[in-house]
Amino acid sequence: MFLTCNASVPRKKIIKVGGFDTRFEKNILEDTHLAAKLIASGMYVVPILEAAAYHIAHKAPKKQHHEKFKRNFQLYVKFKKENLIYYTENEWKGKMKNYFKDKFEIIN
């Protein structure tokens, strides 16, 4: 289990594997997929069993959450078969800039 709310990874390693895959819906399995990409790139995941994290549960209906989990699990299985793509920092920044260009309204 790899939860990004309680993990420490060098920034360059996250950029190298492309960060979170933006094709996942909401916050379900995207951190597990990121861990798989990091491990595939040669990183070790070392659990610290004494570490603790608190999580504030969302009040989404269980059925809705279950449907999103099923959809994201299918994506996760599909993504595992993809070749790992490595990015330079500039390539990654361009990718993220393009992804976020239509996500926010800039108010002056």
PDB file of N, CA and C in Angstrom:
ATOM      1  N   MET A   1       0.848  -1.177   0.000  1.00  0.00           N
ATOM      2  CA  MET A   1       0.000   0.000   0.000  1.00  0.00           C
ATOM      3  C   MET A   1       0.884   1.227   0.000  1.00  0.00           C
ATOM      4  N   PHE A   2       0.601   2.140  -0.842  1.00  0.00           N
ATOM      5  CA  PHE A   2       1.374   3.377  -0.951  1.00  0.00           C
ATOM      6  C   PHE A   2       0.388   4.529  -0.949  1.00  0.00           C
ATOM      7  N   LEU A   3       0.395   5.293   0.118  1.00  0.00           N
ATOM      8  CA  LEU A   3      -0.508   6.435   0.233  1.00  0.00           C
ATOM      9  C   LEU A   3       0.317   7.707   0.160  1.00  0.00           C
ATOM     10  N   THR A   4       0.043   8.526  -0.813  1.00  0.00           N
ATOM     11  CA  THR A   4       0.858   9.722  -1.001  1.00  0.00           C
ATOM     12  C   THR A   4       0.635  10.766   0.082  1.00  0.00           C
ATOM     13  N   CYS A   5      -0.393  10.600   0.899  1.00  0.00           N
ATOM     14  CA  CYS A   5      -0.579  11.535   2.011  1.00  0.00           C
ATOM     15  C   CYS A   5       0.475  11.302   3.082  1.00  0.00           C
ATOM     16  N   ASN A   6       1.184  10.179   3.012  1.00  0.00           N
ATOM     17  CA  ASN A   6       2.177   9.851   4.022  1.00  0.00           C
ATOM     18  C   ASN A   6       3.405   9.215   3.366  1.00  0.00           C
ATOM     19  N   ALA A   7       3.934   9.899   2.353  1.00  0.00           N
ATOM     20  CA  ALA A   7       5.085   9.372   1.622  1.00  0.00           C
ATOM     21  C   ALA A   7       6.070  10.500   1.338  1.00  0.00           C
ATOM     22  N   SER A   8       7.304  10.115   1.156  1.00  0.00           N
ATOM     23  CA  SER A   8       8.340  11.077   0.803  1.00  0.00           C
ATOM     24  C   SER A   8       9.114  10.520  -0.382  1.00  0.00           C
ATOM     25  N   VAL A   9       9.094  11.278  -1.469  1.00  0.00           N
ATOM     26  CA  VAL A   9       9.759  10.857  -2.701  1.00  0.00           C
ATOM     27  C   VAL A   9      10.463  12.074  -3.285  1.00  0.00           C
ATOM     28  N   PRO A  10      11.710  11.920  -3.743  1.00  0.00           N
ATOM     29  CA  PRO A  10      12.376  13.067  -4.370  1.00  0.00           C
ATOM     30  C   PRO A  10      11.574  13.586  -5.564  1.00  0.00           C
ATOM     31  N   ARG A  11      11.457  14.893  -5.655  1.00  0.00           N
ATOM     32  CA  ARG A  11      10.689  15.548  -6.717  1.00  0.00           C
ATOM     33  C   ARG A  11      11.121  15.093  -8.100  1.00  0.00           C
ATOM     34  N   LYS A  12      12.422  14.972  -8.310  1.00  0.00           N
ATOM     35  CA  LYS A  12      12.928  14.562  -9.628  1.00  0.00           C
ATOM     36  C   LYS A  12      12.415  13.184 -10.037  1.00  0.00           C
ATOM     37  N   LYS A  13      12.241  12.294  -9.062  1.00  0.00           N
ATOM     38  CA  LYS A  13      11.743  10.946  -9.372  1.00  0.00           C
ATOM     39  C   LYS A  13      10.277  11.004  -9.793  1.00  0.00           C
ATOM     40  N   ILE A  14       9.495  11.866  -9.131  1.00  0.00           N
ATOM     41  CA  ILE A  14       8.082  12.013  -9.490  1.00  0.00           C
ATOM     42  C   ILE A  14       7.967  12.573 -10.907  1.00  0.00           C
ATOM     43  N   ILE A  15       8.757  13.583 -11.200  1.00  0.00           N
ATOM     44  CA  ILE A  15       8.741  14.193 -12.535  1.00  0.00           C
ATOM     45  C   ILE A  15       9.170  13.174 -13.585  1.00  0.00           C
ATOM     46  N   LYS A  16      10.201  12.413 -13.281  1.00  0.00           N
ATOM     47  CA  LYS A  16      10.752  11.450 -14.237  1.00  0.00           C
ATOM     48  C   LYS A  16       9.700  10.453 -14.723  1.00  0.00           C
ATOM     49  N   VAL A  17       8.806  10.021 -13.810  1.00  0.00           N
ATOM     50  CA  VAL A  17       7.790   9.035 -14.208  1.00  0.00           C
ATOM     51  C   VAL A  17       6.473   9.684 -14.612  1.00  0.00           C
ATOM     52  N   GLY A  18       6.428  11.018 -14.646  1.00  0.00           N
ATOM     53  CA  GLY A  18       5.242  11.718 -15.126  1.00  0.00           C
ATOM     54  C   GLY A  18       4.223  12.073 -14.069  1.00  0.00           C
ATOM     55  N   GLY A  19       4.555  11.872 -12.794  1.00  0.00           N
ATOM     56  CA  GLY A  19       3.625  12.233 -11.721  1.00  0.00           C
ATOM     57  C   GLY A  19       2.376  11.374 -11.741  1.00  0.00           C
ATOM     58  N   PHE A  20       1.317  11.904 -11.138  1.00  0.00           N
ATOM     59  CA  PHE A  20       0.044  11.194 -11.124  1.00  0.00           C
ATOM     60  C   PHE A  20      -0.517  11.116 -12.538  1.00  0.00           C
ATOM     61  N   ASP A  21      -1.144  10.011 -12.856  1.00  0.00           N
ATOM     62  CA  ASP A  21      -1.799   9.871 -14.150  1.00  0.00           C
ATOM     63  C   ASP A  21      -3.147  10.571 -14.066  1.00  0.00           C
ATOM     64  N   THR A  22      -3.345  11.564 -14.896  1.00  0.00           N
ATOM     65  CA  THR A  22      -4.543  12.400 -14.833  1.00  0.00           C
ATOM     66  C   THR A  22      -5.783  11.703 -15.403  1.00  0.00           C
ATOM     67  N   ARG A  23      -5.631  10.478 -15.883  1.00  0.00           N
ATOM     68  CA  ARG A  23      -6.788   9.749 -16.403  1.00  0.00           C
ATOM     69  C   ARG A  23      -7.606   9.094 -15.295  1.00  0.00           C
ATOM     70  N   PHE A  24      -7.068   9.027 -14.076  1.00  0.00           N
ATOM     71  CA  PHE A  24      -7.842   8.493 -12.961  1.00  0.00           C
ATOM     72  C   PHE A  24      -8.890   9.503 -12.535  1.00  0.00           C
ATOM     73  N   GLU A  25     -10.066   9.001 -12.165  1.00  0.00           N
ATOM     74  CA  GLU A  25     -11.149   9.856 -11.693  1.00  0.00           C
ATOM     75  C   GLU A  25     -11.075   9.975 -10.178  1.00  0.00           C
ATOM     76  N   LYS A  26     -11.069  11.196  -9.702  1.00  0.00           N
ATOM     77  CA  LYS A  26     -11.032  11.500  -8.262  1.00  0.00           C
ATOM     78  C   LYS A  26      -9.761  10.938  -7.641  1.00  0.00           C
ATOM     79  N   ASN A  27      -9.815  10.656  -6.368  1.00  0.00           N
ATOM     80  CA  ASN A  27      -8.639  10.221  -5.620  1.00  0.00           C
ATOM     81  C   ASN A  27      -8.742   8.739  -5.277  1.00  0.00           C
ATOM     82  N   ILE A  28      -8.754   7.919  -6.291  1.00  0.00           N
ATOM     83  CA  ILE A  28      -8.886   6.479  -6.074  1.00  0.00           C
ATOM     84  C   ILE A  28      -7.859   5.746  -6.940  1.00  0.00           C
ATOM     85  N   LEU A  29      -6.888   5.102  -6.316  1.00  0.00           N
ATOM     86  CA  LEU A  29      -5.848   4.273  -6.937  1.00  0.00           C
ATOM     87  C   LEU A  29      -4.765   5.055  -7.672  1.00  0.00           C
ATOM     88  N   GLU A  30      -4.858   6.376  -7.744  1.00  0.00           N
ATOM     89  CA  GLU A  30      -3.826   7.126  -8.456  1.00  0.00           C
ATOM     90  C   GLU A  30      -2.492   7.060  -7.723  1.00  0.00           C
ATOM     91  N   ASP A  31      -2.512   6.983  -6.396  1.00  0.00           N
ATOM     92  CA  ASP A  31      -1.253   6.894  -5.658  1.00  0.00           C
ATOM     93  C   ASP A  31      -0.648   5.491  -5.756  1.00  0.00           C
ATOM     94  N   THR A  32      -1.482   4.459  -5.811  1.00  0.00           N
ATOM     95  CA  THR A  32      -0.990   3.096  -6.011  1.00  0.00           C
ATOM     96  C   THR A  32      -0.319   2.980  -7.379  1.00  0.00           C
ATOM     97  N   HIS A  33      -0.922   3.593  -8.387  1.00  0.00           N
ATOM     98  CA  HIS A  33      -0.343   3.570  -9.723  1.00  0.00           C
ATOM     99  C   HIS A  33       0.982   4.337  -9.758  1.00  0.00           C
ATOM    100  N   LEU A  34       1.034   5.471  -9.067  1.00  0.00           N
ATOM    101  CA  LEU A  34       2.284   6.234  -8.993  1.00  0.00           C
ATOM    102  C   LEU A  34       3.376   5.383  -8.354  1.00  0.00           C
ATOM    103  N   ALA A  35       3.042   4.670  -7.295  1.00  0.00           N
ATOM    104  CA  ALA A  35       4.026   3.796  -6.644  1.00  0.00           C
ATOM    105  C   ALA A  35       4.520   2.720  -7.603  1.00  0.00           C
ATOM    106  N   ALA A  36       3.613   2.143  -8.375  1.00  0.00           N
ATOM    107  CA  ALA A  36       4.016   1.113  -9.343  1.00  0.00           C
ATOM    108  C   ALA A  36       4.986   1.691 -10.365  1.00  0.00           C
ATOM    109  N   LYS A  37       4.727   2.925 -10.818  1.00  0.00           N
ATOM    110  CA  LYS A  37       5.640   3.559 -11.783  1.00  0.00           C
ATOM    111  C   LYS A  37       6.998   3.832 -11.139  1.00  0.00           C
ATOM    112  N   LEU A  38       6.998   4.265  -9.891  1.00  0.00           N
ATOM    113  CA  LEU A  38       8.265   4.535  -9.205  1.00  0.00           C
ATOM    114  C   LEU A  38       9.063   3.253  -9.018  1.00  0.00           C
ATOM    115  N   ILE A  39       8.397   2.185  -8.622  1.00  0.00           N
ATOM    116  CA  ILE A  39       9.076   0.894  -8.448  1.00  0.00           C
ATOM    117  C   ILE A  39       9.604   0.401  -9.791  1.00  0.00           C
ATOM    118  N   ALA A  40       8.798   0.540 -10.851  1.00  0.00           N
ATOM    119  CA  ALA A  40       9.236   0.115 -12.185  1.00  0.00           C
ATOM    120  C   ALA A  40      10.446   0.912 -12.662  1.00  0.00           C
ATOM    121  N   SER A  41      10.582   2.151 -12.166  1.00  0.00           N
ATOM    122  CA  SER A  41      11.720   2.976 -12.563  1.00  0.00           C
ATOM    123  C   SER A  41      12.971   2.669 -11.745  1.00  0.00           C
ATOM    124  N   GLY A  42      12.863   1.745 -10.782  1.00  0.00           N
ATOM    125  CA  GLY A  42      14.031   1.332 -10.014  1.00  0.00           C
ATOM    126  C   GLY A  42      14.059   1.825  -8.575  1.00  0.00           C
ATOM    127  N   MET A  43      13.042   2.555  -8.138  1.00  0.00           N
ATOM    128  CA  MET A  43      13.015   3.034  -6.758  1.00  0.00           C
ATOM    129  C   MET A  43      12.567   1.919  -5.821  1.00  0.00           C
ATOM    130  N   TYR A  44      13.011   2.019  -4.596  1.00  0.00           N
ATOM    131  CA  TYR A  44      12.548   1.123  -3.547  1.00  0.00           C
ATOM    132  C   TYR A  44      11.481   1.837  -2.728  1.00  0.00           C
ATOM    133  N   VAL A  45      10.468   1.097  -2.316  1.00  0.00           N
ATOM    134  CA  VAL A  45       9.471   1.623  -1.391  1.00  0.00           C
ATOM    135  C   VAL A  45       9.768   0.973  -0.049  1.00  0.00           C
ATOM    136  N   VAL A  46      10.118   1.807   0.922  1.00  0.00           N
ATOM    137  CA  VAL A  46      10.479   1.312   2.246  1.00  0.00           C
ATOM    138  C   VAL A  46       9.395   1.735   3.224  1.00  0.00           C
ATOM    139  N   PRO A  47       8.604   0.779   3.722  1.00  0.00           N
ATOM    140  CA  PRO A  47       7.555   1.157   4.664  1.00  0.00           C
ATOM    141  C   PRO A  47       8.134   1.481   6.038  1.00  0.00           C
ATOM    142  N   ILE A  48       7.602   2.499   6.645  1.00  0.00           N
ATOM    143  CA  ILE A  48       7.950   2.853   8.019  1.00  0.00           C
ATOM    144  C   ILE A  48       6.691   2.547   8.830  1.00  0.00           C
ATOM    145  N   LEU A  49       6.680   1.417   9.485  1.00  0.00           N
ATOM    146  CA  LEU A  49       5.468   0.944  10.142  1.00  0.00           C
ATOM    147  C   LEU A  49       5.032   1.844  11.293  1.00  0.00           C
ATOM    148  N   GLU A  50       5.947   2.616  11.836  1.00  0.00           N
ATOM    149  CA  GLU A  50       5.589   3.508  12.929  1.00  0.00           C
ATOM    150  C   GLU A  50       4.957   4.813  12.449  1.00  0.00           C
ATOM    151  N   ALA A  51       5.020   5.087  11.164  1.00  0.00           N
ATOM    152  CA  ALA A  51       4.457   6.335  10.627  1.00  0.00           C
ATOM    153  C   ALA A  51       2.937   6.297  10.723  1.00  0.00           C
ATOM    154  N   ALA A  52       2.382   7.455  10.953  1.00  0.00           N
ATOM    155  CA  ALA A  52       0.918   7.551  11.060  1.00  0.00           C
ATOM    156  C   ALA A  52       0.430   8.710  10.196  1.00  0.00           C
ATOM    157  N   ALA A  53      -0.793   8.594   9.734  1.00  0.00           N
ATOM    158  CA  ALA A  53      -1.434   9.666   8.975  1.00  0.00           C
ATOM    159  C   ALA A  53      -2.913   9.660   9.327  1.00  0.00           C
ATOM    160  N   TYR A  54      -3.486  10.831   9.317  1.00  0.00           N
ATOM    161  CA  TYR A  54      -4.921  10.958   9.562  1.00  0.00           C
ATOM    162  C   TYR A  54      -5.602  11.318   8.254  1.00  0.00           C
ATOM    163  N   HIS A  55      -6.765  10.749   8.047  1.00  0.00           N
ATOM    164  CA  HIS A  55      -7.497  10.992   6.813  1.00  0.00           C
ATOM    165  C   HIS A  55      -8.913  11.418   7.175  1.00  0.00           C
ATOM    166  N   ILE A  56      -9.368  12.494   6.606  1.00  0.00           N
ATOM    167  CA  ILE A  56     -10.736  12.941   6.808  1.00  0.00           C
ATOM    168  C   ILE A  56     -11.599  12.278   5.747  1.00  0.00           C
ATOM    169  N   ALA A  57     -12.515  11.466   6.195  1.00  0.00           N
ATOM    170  CA  ALA A  57     -13.362  10.709   5.273  1.00  0.00           C
ATOM    171  C   ALA A  57     -14.322  11.642   4.542  1.00  0.00           C
ATOM    172  N   HIS A  58     -14.497  11.382   3.270  1.00  0.00           N
ATOM    173  CA  HIS A  58     -15.446  12.137   2.464  1.00  0.00           C
ATOM    174  C   HIS A  58     -16.828  11.537   2.654  1.00  0.00           C
ATOM    175  N   LYS A  59     -17.829  12.337   2.492  1.00  0.00           N
ATOM    176  CA  LYS A  59     -19.194  11.855   2.700  1.00  0.00           C
ATOM    177  C   LYS A  59     -19.867  11.465   1.390  1.00  0.00           C
ATOM    178  N   ALA A  60     -19.083  10.980   0.454  1.00  0.00           N
ATOM    179  CA  ALA A  60     -19.656  10.527  -0.824  1.00  0.00           C
ATOM    180  C   ALA A  60     -20.453   9.246  -0.581  1.00  0.00           C
ATOM    181  N   PRO A  61     -21.550   9.088  -1.271  1.00  0.00           N
ATOM    182  CA  PRO A  61     -22.328   7.849  -1.123  1.00  0.00           C
ATOM    183  C   PRO A  61     -21.467   6.634  -1.447  1.00  0.00           C
ATOM    184  N   LYS A  62     -21.631   5.570  -0.669  1.00  0.00           N
ATOM    185  CA  LYS A  62     -20.802   4.378  -0.843  1.00  0.00           C
ATOM    186  C   LYS A  62     -20.940   3.775  -2.230  1.00  0.00           C
ATOM    187  N   LYS A  63     -22.156   3.780  -2.770  1.00  0.00           N
ATOM    188  CA  LYS A  63     -22.357   3.210  -4.102  1.00  0.00           C
ATOM    189  C   LYS A  63     -21.572   4.004  -5.142  1.00  0.00           C
ATOM    190  N   GLN A  64     -21.602   5.321  -5.043  1.00  0.00           N
ATOM    191  CA  GLN A  64     -20.871   6.182  -5.976  1.00  0.00           C
ATOM    192  C   GLN A  64     -19.366   5.938  -5.853  1.00  0.00           C
ATOM    193  N   HIS A  65     -18.880   5.828  -4.633  1.00  0.00           N
ATOM    194  CA  HIS A  65     -17.455   5.573  -4.402  1.00  0.00           C
ATOM    195  C   HIS A  65     -17.065   4.208  -4.972  1.00  0.00           C
ATOM    196  N   HIS A  66     -17.921   3.221  -4.766  1.00  0.00           N
ATOM    197  CA  HIS A  66     -17.649   1.875  -5.267  1.00  0.00           C
ATOM    198  C   HIS A  66     -17.579   1.868  -6.796  1.00  0.00           C
ATOM    199  N   GLU A  67     -18.461   2.597  -7.451  1.00  0.00           N
ATOM    200  CA  GLU A  67     -18.445   2.671  -8.917  1.00  0.00           C
ATOM    201  C   GLU A  67     -17.159   3.332  -9.421  1.00  0.00           C
ATOM    202  N   LYS A  68     -16.723   4.395  -8.760  1.00  0.00           N
ATOM    203  CA  LYS A  68     -15.476   5.072  -9.154  1.00  0.00           C
ATOM    204  C   LYS A  68     -14.286   4.154  -8.933  1.00  0.00           C
ATOM    205  N   PHE A  69     -14.310   3.400  -7.829  1.00  0.00           N
ATOM    206  CA  PHE A  69     -13.223   2.457  -7.572  1.00  0.00           C
ATOM    207  C   PHE A  69     -13.163   1.408  -8.674  1.00  0.00           C
ATOM    208  N   LYS A  70     -14.307   0.836  -9.048  1.00  0.00           N
ATOM    209  CA  LYS A  70     -14.323  -0.182 -10.109  1.00  0.00           C
ATOM    210  C   LYS A  70     -13.778   0.379 -11.418  1.00  0.00           C
ATOM    211  N   ARG A  71     -14.197   1.601 -11.768  1.00  0.00           N
ATOM    212  CA  ARG A  71     -13.723   2.219 -13.001  1.00  0.00           C
ATOM    213  C   ARG A  71     -12.214   2.441 -12.940  1.00  0.00           C
ATOM    214  N   ASN A  72     -11.734   2.979 -11.827  1.00  0.00           N
ATOM    215  CA  ASN A  72     -10.301   3.253 -11.701  1.00  0.00           C
ATOM    216  C   ASN A  72      -9.490   1.972 -11.624  1.00  0.00           C
ATOM    217  N   PHE A  73     -10.051   0.914 -11.037  1.00  0.00           N
ATOM    218  CA  PHE A  73      -9.335  -0.356 -11.002  1.00  0.00           C
ATOM    219  C   PHE A  73      -9.145  -0.894 -12.415  1.00  0.00           C
ATOM    220  N   GLN A  74     -10.169  -0.777 -13.247  1.00  0.00           N
ATOM    221  CA  GLN A  74     -10.045  -1.205 -14.644  1.00  0.00           C
ATOM    222  C   GLN A  74      -8.965  -0.387 -15.353  1.00  0.00           C
ATOM    223  N   LEU A  75      -8.916   0.931 -15.081  1.00  0.00           N
ATOM    224  CA  LEU A  75      -7.870   1.775 -15.662  1.00  0.00           C
ATOM    225  C   LEU A  75      -6.498   1.342 -15.160  1.00  0.00           C
ATOM    226  N   TYR A  76      -6.394   1.055 -13.859  1.00  0.00           N
ATOM    227  CA  TYR A  76      -5.121   0.641 -13.277  1.00  0.00           C
ATOM    228  C   TYR A  76      -4.589  -0.610 -13.969  1.00  0.00           C
ATOM    229  N   VAL A  77      -5.449  -1.593 -14.167  1.00  0.00           N
ATOM    230  CA  VAL A  77      -5.039  -2.834 -14.846  1.00  0.00           C
ATOM    231  C   VAL A  77      -4.577  -2.521 -16.263  1.00  0.00           C
ATOM    232  N   LYS A  78      -5.298  -1.641 -16.948  1.00  0.00           N
ATOM    233  CA  LYS A  78      -4.924  -1.249 -18.314  1.00  0.00           C
ATOM    234  C   LYS A  78      -3.578  -0.514 -18.316  1.00  0.00           C
ATOM    235  N   PHE A  79      -3.407   0.419 -17.378  1.00  0.00           N
ATOM    236  CA  PHE A  79      -2.182   1.231 -17.333  1.00  0.00           C
ATOM    237  C   PHE A  79      -0.956   0.392 -16.990  1.00  0.00           C
ATOM    238  N   LYS A  80      -1.127  -0.689 -16.221  1.00  0.00           N
ATOM    239  CA  LYS A  80       0.013  -1.530 -15.866  1.00  0.00           C
ATOM    240  C   LYS A  80       0.690  -2.098 -17.094  1.00  0.00           C
ATOM    241  N   LYS A  81      -0.063  -2.246 -18.181  1.00  0.00           N
ATOM    242  CA  LYS A  81       0.477  -2.839 -19.397  1.00  0.00           C
ATOM    243  C   LYS A  81       1.160  -1.813 -20.299  1.00  0.00           C
ATOM    244  N   GLU A  82       1.033  -0.531 -19.950  1.00  0.00           N
ATOM    245  CA  GLU A  82       1.665   0.511 -20.759  1.00  0.00           C
ATOM    246  C   GLU A  82       3.167   0.579 -20.470  1.00  0.00           C
ATOM    247  N   ASN A  83       3.911   0.992 -21.460  1.00  0.00           N
ATOM    248  CA  ASN A  83       5.341   1.211 -21.252  1.00  0.00           C
ATOM    249  C   ASN A  83       5.535   2.447 -20.396  1.00  0.00           C
ATOM    250  N   LEU A  84       6.508   2.396 -19.527  1.00  0.00           N
ATOM    251  CA  LEU A  84       6.829   3.520 -18.668  1.00  0.00           C
ATOM    252  C   LEU A  84       7.529   4.592 -19.495  1.00  0.00           C
ATOM    253  N   ILE A  85       7.029   5.813 -19.421  1.00  0.00           N
ATOM    254  CA  ILE A  85       7.605   6.934 -20.164  1.00  0.00           C
ATOM    255  C   ILE A  85       8.352   7.825 -19.179  1.00  0.00           C
ATOM    256  N   TYR A  86       9.570   8.165 -19.516  1.00  0.00           N
ATOM    257  CA  TYR A  86      10.361   9.056 -18.672  1.00  0.00           C
ATOM    258  C   TYR A  86      10.324  10.464 -19.249  1.00  0.00           C
ATOM    259  N   TYR A  87      10.254  11.454 -18.369  1.00  0.00           N
ATOM    260  CA  TYR A  87      10.169  12.850 -18.773  1.00  0.00           C
ATOM    261  C   TYR A  87      11.343  13.641 -18.205  1.00  0.00           C
ATOM    262  N   THR A  88      11.769  14.658 -18.949  1.00  0.00           N
ATOM    263  CA  THR A  88      12.656  15.657 -18.364  1.00  0.00           C
ATOM    264  C   THR A  88      11.762  16.626 -17.599  1.00  0.00           C
ATOM    265  N   GLU A  89      12.348  17.457 -16.766  1.00  0.00           N
ATOM    266  CA  GLU A  89      11.530  18.391 -16.001  1.00  0.00           C
ATOM    267  C   GLU A  89      10.765  19.334 -16.925  1.00  0.00           C
ATOM    268  N   ASN A  90      11.401  19.822 -17.994  1.00  0.00           N
ATOM    269  CA  ASN A  90      10.716  20.732 -18.922  1.00  0.00           C
ATOM    270  C   ASN A  90       9.572  20.039 -19.664  1.00  0.00           C
ATOM    271  N   GLU A  91       9.763  18.783 -20.060  1.00  0.00           N
ATOM    272  CA  GLU A  91       8.684  18.035 -20.712  1.00  0.00           C
ATOM    273  C   GLU A  91       7.501  17.874 -19.764  1.00  0.00           C
ATOM    274  N   TRP A  92       7.803  17.536 -18.505  1.00  0.00           N
ATOM    275  CA  TRP A  92       6.753  17.339 -17.519  1.00  0.00           C
ATOM    276  C   TRP A  92       6.001  18.637 -17.232  1.00  0.00           C
ATOM    277  N   LYS A  93       6.739  19.736 -17.097  1.00  0.00           N
ATOM    278  CA  LYS A  93       6.094  21.033 -16.860  1.00  0.00           C
ATOM    279  C   LYS A  93       5.173  21.398 -18.028  1.00  0.00           C
ATOM    280  N   GLY A  94       5.607  21.131 -19.248  1.00  0.00           N
ATOM    281  CA  GLY A  94       4.769  21.395 -20.415  1.00  0.00           C
ATOM    282  C   GLY A  94       3.521  20.537 -20.411  1.00  0.00           C
ATOM    283  N   LYS A  95       3.684  19.281 -20.040  1.00  0.00           N
ATOM    284  CA  LYS A  95       2.548  18.368 -19.957  1.00  0.00           C
ATOM    285  C   LYS A  95       1.539  18.862 -18.912  1.00  0.00           C
ATOM    286  N   MET A  96       2.018  19.275 -17.754  1.00  0.00           N
ATOM    287  CA  MET A  96       1.130  19.750 -16.692  1.00  0.00           C
ATOM    288  C   MET A  96       0.479  21.090 -17.059  1.00  0.00           C
ATOM    289  N   LYS A  97       1.241  21.962 -17.704  1.00  0.00           N
ATOM    290  CA  LYS A  97       0.677  23.247 -18.139  1.00  0.00           C
ATOM    291  C   LYS A  97      -0.461  23.015 -19.114  1.00  0.00           C
ATOM    292  N   ASN A  98      -0.263  22.090 -20.035  1.00  0.00           N
ATOM    293  CA  ASN A  98      -1.294  21.760 -21.004  1.00  0.00           C
ATOM    294  C   ASN A  98      -2.516  21.141 -20.317  1.00  0.00           C
ATOM    295  N   TYR A  99      -2.288  20.272 -19.354  1.00  0.00           N
ATOM    296  CA  TYR A  99      -3.398  19.625 -18.650  1.00  0.00           C
ATOM    297  C   TYR A  99      -4.237  20.648 -17.880  1.00  0.00           C
ATOM    298  N   PHE A 100      -3.588  21.587 -17.218  1.00  0.00           N
ATOM    299  CA  PHE A 100      -4.300  22.531 -16.359  1.00  0.00           C
ATOM    300  C   PHE A 100      -4.801  23.780 -17.079  1.00  0.00           C
ATOM    301  N   LYS A 101      -4.492  23.950 -18.361  1.00  0.00           N
ATOM    302  CA  LYS A 101      -4.825  25.195 -19.050  1.00  0.00           C
ATOM    303  C   LYS A 101      -6.314  25.516 -19.044  1.00  0.00           C
ATOM    304  N   ASP A 102      -7.173  24.517 -19.076  1.00  0.00           N
ATOM    305  CA  ASP A 102      -8.617  24.754 -19.112  1.00  0.00           C
ATOM    306  C   ASP A 102      -9.299  24.451 -17.781  1.00  0.00           C
ATOM    307  N   LYS A 103      -8.526  24.203 -16.739  1.00  0.00           N
ATOM    308  CA  LYS A 103      -9.100  23.782 -15.472  1.00  0.00           C
ATOM    309  C   LYS A 103      -9.442  24.938 -14.535  1.00  0.00           C
ATOM    310  N   PHE A 104      -8.855  26.092 -14.754  1.00  0.00           N
ATOM    311  CA  PHE A 104      -9.042  27.225 -13.850  1.00  0.00           C
ATOM    312  C   PHE A 104      -9.446  28.466 -14.609  1.00  0.00           C
ATOM    313  N   GLU A 105     -10.227  29.283 -13.952  1.00  0.00           N
ATOM    314  CA  GLU A 105     -10.575  30.576 -14.504  1.00  0.00           C
ATOM    315  C   GLU A 105      -9.704  31.612 -13.798  1.00  0.00           C
ATOM    316  N   ILE A 106      -8.962  32.376 -14.556  1.00  0.00           N
ATOM    317  CA  ILE A 106      -8.089  33.403 -13.980  1.00  0.00           C
ATOM    318  C   ILE A 106      -8.865  34.692 -13.848  1.00  0.00           C
ATOM    319  N   ILE A 107      -8.938  35.180 -12.623  1.00  0.00           N
ATOM    320  CA  ILE A 107      -9.674  36.409 -12.345  1.00  0.00           C
ATOM    321  C   ILE A 107      -8.672  37.517 -12.044  1.00  0.00           C
ATOM    322  N   ASN A 108      -8.757  38.600 -12.764  1.00  0.00           N
ATOM    323  CA  ASN A 108      -7.841  39.725 -12.539  1.00  0.00           C
ATOM    324  C   ASN A 108      -8.455  40.771 -11.645  1.00  0.00           C
TER     325      ASN A 108
END
